[in-house]
Amino acid sequence: MRYRTRSLAWHGQAFRFDQIKLPPQRFQDCTWAVSRQGEFIGTMNCAEEITTSEFDHRCNQWLAELFQEAKPTA
């Protein structure tokens, strides 16, 4: 993915993904800092060579998994 910053809307909320510059890794994954309204909420790993569309899909999956885990169970 050629962008180093990407913003997405998910369920009406804006999320920002900023690539974190780390030393070269053994695998070609990039690490992204994820924030909402300026507050850091986590990191996401993603392959560097994916398309923008694939990246957006990965971001949506990551957010769905994060908020699914945060739901209280009855």
PDB file of N, CA and C in Angstrom:
ATOM      1  N   MET A   1       0.821  -1.164   0.000  1.00  0.00           N
ATOM      2  CA  MET A   1       0.000   0.000   0.000  1.00  0.00           C
ATOM      3  C   MET A   1       0.874   1.240   0.000  1.00  0.00           C
ATOM      4  N   ARG A   2       0.582   2.166  -0.829  1.00  0.00           N
ATOM      5  CA  ARG A   2       1.480   3.318  -0.989  1.00  0.00           C
ATOM      6  C   ARG A   2       1.238   4.429   0.024  1.00  0.00           C
ATOM      7  N   TYR A   3       0.068   4.466   0.656  1.00  0.00           N
ATOM      8  CA  TYR A   3      -0.220   5.510   1.634  1.00  0.00           C
ATOM      9  C   TYR A   3       0.435   5.190   2.967  1.00  0.00           C
ATOM     10  N   ARG A   4       0.765   6.208   3.716  1.00  0.00           N
ATOM     11  CA  ARG A   4       1.329   6.033   5.054  1.00  0.00           C
ATOM     12  C   ARG A   4       0.330   6.460   6.124  1.00  0.00           C
ATOM     13  N   THR A   5      -0.745   7.116   5.692  1.00  0.00           N
ATOM     14  CA  THR A   5      -1.852   7.505   6.562  1.00  0.00           C
ATOM     15  C   THR A   5      -3.133   7.236   5.805  1.00  0.00           C
ATOM     16  N   ARG A   6      -4.102   6.684   6.503  1.00  0.00           N
ATOM     17  CA  ARG A   6      -5.382   6.367   5.860  1.00  0.00           C
ATOM     18  C   ARG A   6      -6.483   6.601   6.880  1.00  0.00           C
ATOM     19  N   SER A   7      -7.565   7.229   6.453  1.00  0.00           N
ATOM     20  CA  SER A   7      -8.725   7.441   7.314  1.00  0.00           C
ATOM     21  C   SER A   7      -9.909   6.676   6.763  1.00  0.00           C
ATOM     22  N   LEU A   8     -10.688   6.087   7.666  1.00  0.00           N
ATOM     23  CA  LEU A   8     -11.862   5.311   7.282  1.00  0.00           C
ATOM     24  C   LEU A   8     -13.015   5.654   8.210  1.00  0.00           C
ATOM     25  N   ALA A   9     -14.212   5.539   7.684  1.00  0.00           N
ATOM     26  CA  ALA A   9     -15.411   5.623   8.522  1.00  0.00           C
ATOM     27  C   ALA A   9     -15.896   4.207   8.763  1.00  0.00           C
ATOM     28  N   TRP A  10     -16.202   3.895  10.010  1.00  0.00           N
ATOM     29  CA  TRP A  10     -16.726   2.584  10.372  1.00  0.00           C
ATOM     30  C   TRP A  10     -17.857   2.806  11.363  1.00  0.00           C
ATOM     31  N   HIS A  11     -19.054   2.393  11.009  1.00  0.00           N
ATOM     32  CA  HIS A  11     -20.249   2.582  11.830  1.00  0.00           C
ATOM     33  C   HIS A  11     -20.411   4.041  12.256  1.00  0.00           C
ATOM     34  N   GLY A  12     -20.182   4.939  11.316  1.00  0.00           N
ATOM     35  CA  GLY A  12     -20.379   6.364  11.558  1.00  0.00           C
ATOM     36  C   GLY A  12     -19.284   7.059  12.341  1.00  0.00           C
ATOM     37  N   GLN A  13     -18.204   6.362  12.635  1.00  0.00           N
ATOM     38  CA  GLN A  13     -17.091   6.959  13.373  1.00  0.00           C
ATOM     39  C   GLN A  13     -15.855   6.999  12.482  1.00  0.00           C
ATOM     40  N   ALA A  14     -15.060   8.028  12.650  1.00  0.00           N
ATOM     41  CA  ALA A  14     -13.837   8.186  11.861  1.00  0.00           C
ATOM     42  C   ALA A  14     -12.667   7.539  12.595  1.00  0.00           C
ATOM     43  N   PHE A  15     -11.891   6.751  11.854  1.00  0.00           N
ATOM     44  CA  PHE A  15     -10.688   6.112  12.394  1.00  0.00           C
ATOM     45  C   PHE A  15      -9.511   6.475  11.504  1.00  0.00           C
ATOM     46  N   ARG A  16      -8.363   6.643  12.129  1.00  0.00           N
ATOM     47  CA  ARG A  16      -7.145   6.997  11.402  1.00  0.00           C
ATOM     48  C   ARG A  16      -6.118   5.892  11.603  1.00  0.00           C
ATOM     49  N   PHE A  17      -5.473   5.513  10.501  1.00  0.00           N
ATOM     50  CA  PHE A  17      -4.434   4.486  10.498  1.00  0.00           C
ATOM     51  C   PHE A  17      -3.142   5.143  10.032  1.00  0.00           C
ATOM     52  N   ASP A  18      -2.126   5.151  10.885  1.00  0.00           N
ATOM     53  CA  ASP A  18      -0.824   5.747  10.562  1.00  0.00           C
ATOM     54  C   ASP A  18       0.243   4.666  10.605  1.00  0.00           C
ATOM     55  N   GLN A  19       0.978   4.531   9.506  1.00  0.00           N
ATOM     56  CA  GLN A  19       2.032   3.518   9.478  1.00  0.00           C
ATOM     57  C   GLN A  19       3.152   3.905  10.434  1.00  0.00           C
ATOM     58  N   ILE A  20       3.590   2.949  11.216  1.00  0.00           N
ATOM     59  CA  ILE A  20       4.677   3.154  12.171  1.00  0.00           C
ATOM     60  C   ILE A  20       5.969   2.703  11.497  1.00  0.00           C
ATOM     61  N   LYS A  21       6.960   3.549  11.514  1.00  0.00           N
ATOM     62  CA  LYS A  21       8.259   3.190  10.933  1.00  0.00           C
ATOM     63  C   LYS A  21       9.046   2.369  11.940  1.00  0.00           C
ATOM     64  N   LEU A  22       9.259   1.112  11.598  1.00  0.00           N
ATOM     65  CA  LEU A  22      10.030   0.198  12.435  1.00  0.00           C
ATOM     66  C   LEU A  22      11.229  -0.298  11.643  1.00  0.00           C
ATOM     67  N   PRO A  23      12.247  -0.816  12.315  1.00  0.00           N
ATOM     68  CA  PRO A  23      13.371  -1.402  11.579  1.00  0.00           C
ATOM     69  C   PRO A  23      12.866  -2.525  10.679  1.00  0.00           C
ATOM     70  N   PRO A  24      13.579  -2.817   9.609  1.00  0.00           N
ATOM     71  CA  PRO A  24      13.153  -3.897   8.711  1.00  0.00           C
ATOM     72  C   PRO A  24      12.890  -5.182   9.493  1.00  0.00           C
ATOM     73  N   GLN A  25      11.800  -5.828   9.129  1.00  0.00           N
ATOM     74  CA  GLN A  25      11.406  -7.052   9.813  1.00  0.00           C
ATOM     75  C   GLN A  25      11.657  -8.253   8.913  1.00  0.00           C
ATOM     76  N   ARG A  26      11.659  -9.393   9.525  1.00  0.00           N
ATOM     77  CA  ARG A  26      11.882 -10.625   8.771  1.00  0.00           C
ATOM     78  C   ARG A  26      10.760 -10.851   7.761  1.00  0.00           C
ATOM     79  N   PHE A  27       9.542 -10.529   8.162  1.00  0.00           N
ATOM     80  CA  PHE A  27       8.387 -10.667   7.287  1.00  0.00           C
ATOM     81  C   PHE A  27       8.007  -9.283   6.784  1.00  0.00           C
ATOM     82  N   GLN A  28       7.337  -9.203   5.670  1.00  0.00           N
ATOM     83  CA  GLN A  28       7.031  -7.926   5.031  1.00  0.00           C
ATOM     84  C   GLN A  28       5.726  -7.310   5.542  1.00  0.00           C
ATOM     85  N   ASP A  29       5.449  -7.404   6.826  1.00  0.00           N
ATOM     86  CA  ASP A  29       4.275  -6.769   7.402  1.00  0.00           C
ATOM     87  C   ASP A  29       4.618  -5.370   7.875  1.00  0.00           C
ATOM     88  N   CYS A  30       3.647  -4.486   7.774  1.00  0.00           N
ATOM     89  CA  CYS A  30       3.771  -3.136   8.306  1.00  0.00           C
ATOM     90  C   CYS A  30       2.902  -3.044   9.552  1.00  0.00           C
ATOM     91  N   THR A  31       3.289  -2.186  10.450  1.00  0.00           N
ATOM     92  CA  THR A  31       2.499  -1.956  11.656  1.00  0.00           C
ATOM     93  C   THR A  31       1.858  -0.589  11.552  1.00  0.00           C
ATOM     94  N   TRP A  32       0.575  -0.534  11.885  1.00  0.00           N
ATOM     95  CA  TRP A  32      -0.209   0.693  11.801  1.00  0.00           C
ATOM     96  C   TRP A  32      -0.749   1.055  13.170  1.00  0.00           C
ATOM     97  N   ALA A  33      -0.599   2.311  13.570  1.00  0.00           N
ATOM     98  CA  ALA A  33      -1.225   2.819  14.789  1.00  0.00           C
ATOM     99  C   ALA A  33      -2.635   3.251  14.431  1.00  0.00           C
ATOM    100  N   VAL A  34      -3.602   2.836  15.231  1.00  0.00           N
ATOM    101  CA  VAL A  34      -5.002   3.127  14.961  1.00  0.00           C
ATOM    102  C   VAL A  34      -5.519   4.067  16.042  1.00  0.00           C
ATOM    103  N   SER A  35      -6.188   5.143  15.615  1.00  0.00           N
ATOM    104  CA  SER A  35      -6.734   6.099  16.578  1.00  0.00           C
ATOM    105  C   SER A  35      -8.146   6.514  16.177  1.00  0.00           C
ATOM    106  N   ARG A  36      -8.872   6.978  17.185  1.00  0.00           N
ATOM    107  CA  ARG A  36     -10.219   7.498  16.981  1.00  0.00           C
ATOM    108  C   ARG A  36     -10.299   8.789  17.774  1.00  0.00           C
ATOM    109  N   GLN A  37     -10.662   9.863  17.115  1.00  0.00           N
ATOM    110  CA  GLN A  37     -10.752  11.195  17.730  1.00  0.00           C
ATOM    111  C   GLN A  37      -9.450  11.549  18.461  1.00  0.00           C
ATOM    112  N   GLY A  38      -8.322  11.190  17.855  1.00  0.00           N
ATOM    113  CA  GLY A  38      -7.016  11.519  18.407  1.00  0.00           C
ATOM    114  C   GLY A  38      -6.540  10.594  19.510  1.00  0.00           C
ATOM    115  N   GLU A  39      -7.345   9.609  19.895  1.00  0.00           N
ATOM    116  CA  GLU A  39      -6.977   8.681  20.965  1.00  0.00           C
ATOM    117  C   GLU A  39      -6.494   7.364  20.360  1.00  0.00           C
ATOM    118  N   PHE A  40      -5.311   6.941  20.760  1.00  0.00           N
ATOM    119  CA  PHE A  40      -4.743   5.678  20.300  1.00  0.00           C
ATOM    120  C   PHE A  40      -5.591   4.523  20.822  1.00  0.00           C
ATOM    121  N   ILE A  41      -5.963   3.587  19.925  1.00  0.00           N
ATOM    122  CA  ILE A  41      -6.762   2.438  20.373  1.00  0.00           C
ATOM    123  C   ILE A  41      -6.088   1.099  20.094  1.00  0.00           C
ATOM    124  N   GLY A  42      -5.004   1.068  19.321  1.00  0.00           N
ATOM    125  CA  GLY A  42      -4.325  -0.197  19.084  1.00  0.00           C
ATOM    126  C   GLY A  42      -3.422  -0.166  17.874  1.00  0.00           C
ATOM    127  N   THR A  43      -2.815  -1.321  17.591  1.00  0.00           N
ATOM    128  CA  THR A  43      -1.977  -1.454  16.402  1.00  0.00           C
ATOM    129  C   THR A  43      -2.499  -2.599  15.554  1.00  0.00           C
ATOM    130  N   MET A  44      -2.311  -2.460  14.262  1.00  0.00           N
ATOM    131  CA  MET A  44      -2.735  -3.468  13.305  1.00  0.00           C
ATOM    132  C   MET A  44      -1.551  -3.799  12.413  1.00  0.00           C
ATOM    133  N   ASN A  45      -1.312  -5.084  12.185  1.00  0.00           N
ATOM    134  CA  ASN A  45      -0.286  -5.510  11.240  1.00  0.00           C
ATOM    135  C   ASN A  45      -0.952  -5.845   9.920  1.00  0.00           C
ATOM    136  N   CYS A  46      -0.275  -5.533   8.842  1.00  0.00           N
ATOM    137  CA  CYS A  46      -0.835  -5.763   7.515  1.00  0.00           C
ATOM    138  C   CYS A  46       0.314  -5.869   6.514  1.00  0.00           C
ATOM    139  N   ALA A  47       0.152  -6.758   5.544  1.00  0.00           N
ATOM    140  CA  ALA A  47       1.171  -6.907   4.508  1.00  0.00           C
ATOM    141  C   ALA A  47       1.333  -5.602   3.741  1.00  0.00           C
ATOM    142  N   GLU A  48       2.555  -5.250   3.418  1.00  0.00           N
ATOM    143  CA  GLU A  48       2.837  -3.982   2.754  1.00  0.00           C
ATOM    144  C   GLU A  48       2.391  -3.957   1.299  1.00  0.00           C
ATOM    145  N   GLU A  49       2.388  -5.096   0.631  1.00  0.00           N
ATOM    146  CA  GLU A  49       2.153  -5.107  -0.813  1.00  0.00           C
ATOM    147  C   GLU A  49       0.684  -5.195  -1.212  1.00  0.00           C
ATOM    148  N   ILE A  50      -0.268  -5.037  -0.288  1.00  0.00           N
ATOM    149  CA  ILE A  50      -1.683  -5.143  -0.654  1.00  0.00           C
ATOM    150  C   ILE A  50      -2.183  -3.848  -1.308  1.00  0.00           C
ATOM    151  N   THR A  51      -3.313  -3.953  -1.998  1.00  0.00           N
ATOM    152  CA  THR A  51      -3.910  -2.782  -2.646  1.00  0.00           C
ATOM    153  C   THR A  51      -4.642  -1.934  -1.607  1.00  0.00           C
ATOM    154  N   THR A  52      -5.003  -0.723  -2.000  1.00  0.00           N
ATOM    155  CA  THR A  52      -5.748   0.166  -1.110  1.00  0.00           C
ATOM    156  C   THR A  52      -7.088  -0.459  -0.737  1.00  0.00           C
ATOM    157  N   SER A  53      -7.758  -1.064  -1.691  1.00  0.00           N
ATOM    158  CA  SER A  53      -9.041  -1.716  -1.427  1.00  0.00           C
ATOM    159  C   SER A  53      -8.880  -2.862  -0.431  1.00  0.00           C
ATOM    160  N   GLU A  54      -7.847  -3.671  -0.599  1.00  0.00           N
ATOM    161  CA  GLU A  54      -7.583  -4.766   0.334  1.00  0.00           C
ATOM    162  C   GLU A  54      -7.244  -4.231   1.724  1.00  0.00           C
ATOM    163  N   PHE A  55      -6.508  -3.124   1.762  1.00  0.00           N
ATOM    164  CA  PHE A  55      -6.165  -2.513   3.040  1.00  0.00           C
ATOM    165  C   PHE A  55      -7.427  -2.036   3.759  1.00  0.00           C
ATOM    166  N   ASP A  56      -8.318  -1.370   3.031  1.00  0.00           N
ATOM    167  CA  ASP A  56      -9.566  -0.896   3.633  1.00  0.00           C
ATOM    168  C   ASP A  56     -10.373  -2.076   4.186  1.00  0.00           C
ATOM    169  N   HIS A  57     -10.417  -3.176   3.444  1.00  0.00           N
ATOM    170  CA  HIS A  57     -11.119  -4.374   3.912  1.00  0.00           C
ATOM    171  C   HIS A  57     -10.477  -4.906   5.192  1.00  0.00           C
ATOM    172  N   ARG A  58      -9.151  -4.958   5.211  1.00  0.00           N
ATOM    173  CA  ARG A  58      -8.425  -5.426   6.403  1.00  0.00           C
ATOM    174  C   ARG A  58      -8.713  -4.524   7.595  1.00  0.00           C
ATOM    175  N   CYS A  59      -8.758  -3.217   7.379  1.00  0.00           N
ATOM    176  CA  CYS A  59      -9.066  -2.271   8.460  1.00  0.00           C
ATOM    177  C   CYS A  59     -10.460  -2.522   9.017  1.00  0.00           C
ATOM    178  N   ASN A  60     -11.425  -2.713   8.135  1.00  0.00           N
ATOM    179  CA  ASN A  60     -12.793  -2.982   8.576  1.00  0.00           C
ATOM    180  C   ASN A  60     -12.870  -4.277   9.379  1.00  0.00           C
ATOM    181  N   GLN A  61     -12.160  -5.303   8.947  1.00  0.00           N
ATOM    182  CA  GLN A  61     -12.113  -6.567   9.691  1.00  0.00           C
ATOM    183  C   GLN A  61     -11.509  -6.355  11.073  1.00  0.00           C
ATOM    184  N   TRP A  62     -10.410  -5.605  11.121  1.00  0.00           N
ATOM    185  CA  TRP A  62      -9.719  -5.362  12.376  1.00  0.00           C
ATOM    186  C   TRP A  62     -10.641  -4.636  13.350  1.00  0.00           C
ATOM    187  N   LEU A  63     -11.328  -3.604  12.866  1.00  0.00           N
ATOM    188  CA  LEU A  63     -12.246  -2.848  13.723  1.00  0.00           C
ATOM    189  C   LEU A  63     -13.397  -3.733  14.196  1.00  0.00           C
ATOM    190  N   ALA A  64     -13.959  -4.542  13.317  1.00  0.00           N
ATOM    191  CA  ALA A  64     -15.056  -5.440  13.693  1.00  0.00           C
ATOM    192  C   ALA A  64     -14.604  -6.412  14.786  1.00  0.00           C
ATOM    193  N   GLU A  65     -13.404  -6.969  14.636  1.00  0.00           N
ATOM    194  CA  GLU A  65     -12.874  -7.887  15.640  1.00  0.00           C
ATOM    195  C   GLU A  65     -12.630  -7.172  16.964  1.00  0.00           C
ATOM    196  N   LEU A  66     -12.083  -5.982  16.911  1.00  0.00           N
ATOM    197  CA  LEU A  66     -11.798  -5.217  18.125  1.00  0.00           C
ATOM    198  C   LEU A  66     -13.083  -4.926  18.885  1.00  0.00           C
ATOM    199  N   PHE A  67     -14.095  -4.436  18.210  1.00  0.00           N
ATOM    200  CA  PHE A  67     -15.313  -4.050  18.909  1.00  0.00           C
ATOM    201  C   PHE A  67     -16.188  -5.245  19.234  1.00  0.00           C
ATOM    202  N   GLN A  68     -16.046  -6.347  18.535  1.00  0.00           N
ATOM    203  CA  GLN A  68     -16.749  -7.576  18.898  1.00  0.00           C
ATOM    204  C   GLN A  68     -16.233  -8.068  20.247  1.00  0.00           C
ATOM    205  N   GLU A  69     -14.915  -8.017  20.425  1.00  0.00           N
ATOM    206  CA  GLU A  69     -14.309  -8.449  21.682  1.00  0.00           C
ATOM    207  C   GLU A  69     -14.695  -7.543  22.832  1.00  0.00           C
ATOM    208  N   ALA A  70     -14.965  -6.269  22.545  1.00  0.00           N
ATOM    209  CA  ALA A  70     -15.271  -5.302  23.586  1.00  0.00           C
ATOM    210  C   ALA A  70     -16.729  -5.371  24.055  1.00  0.00           C
ATOM    211  N   LYS A  71     -17.595  -6.086  23.319  1.00  0.00           N
ATOM    212  CA  LYS A  71     -18.998  -6.183  23.706  1.00  0.00           C
ATOM    213  C   LYS A  71     -19.149  -7.010  24.980  1.00  0.00           C
ATOM    214  N   PRO A  72     -19.941  -6.502  25.911  1.00  0.00           N
ATOM    215  CA  PRO A  72     -20.183  -7.309  27.122  1.00  0.00           C
ATOM    216  C   PRO A  72     -21.076  -8.510  26.780  1.00  0.00           C
ATOM    217  N   THR A  73     -20.811  -9.606  27.428  1.00  0.00           N
ATOM    218  CA  THR A  73     -21.632 -10.801  27.206  1.00  0.00           C
ATOM    219  C   THR A  73     -22.643 -10.931  28.329  1.00  0.00           C
ATOM    220  N   ALA A  74     -23.794 -11.464  27.995  1.00  0.00           N
ATOM    221  CA  ALA A  74     -24.857 -11.593  29.000  1.00  0.00           C
ATOM    222  C   ALA A  74     -24.739 -12.882  29.775  1.00  0.00           C
TER     223      ALA A  74
END
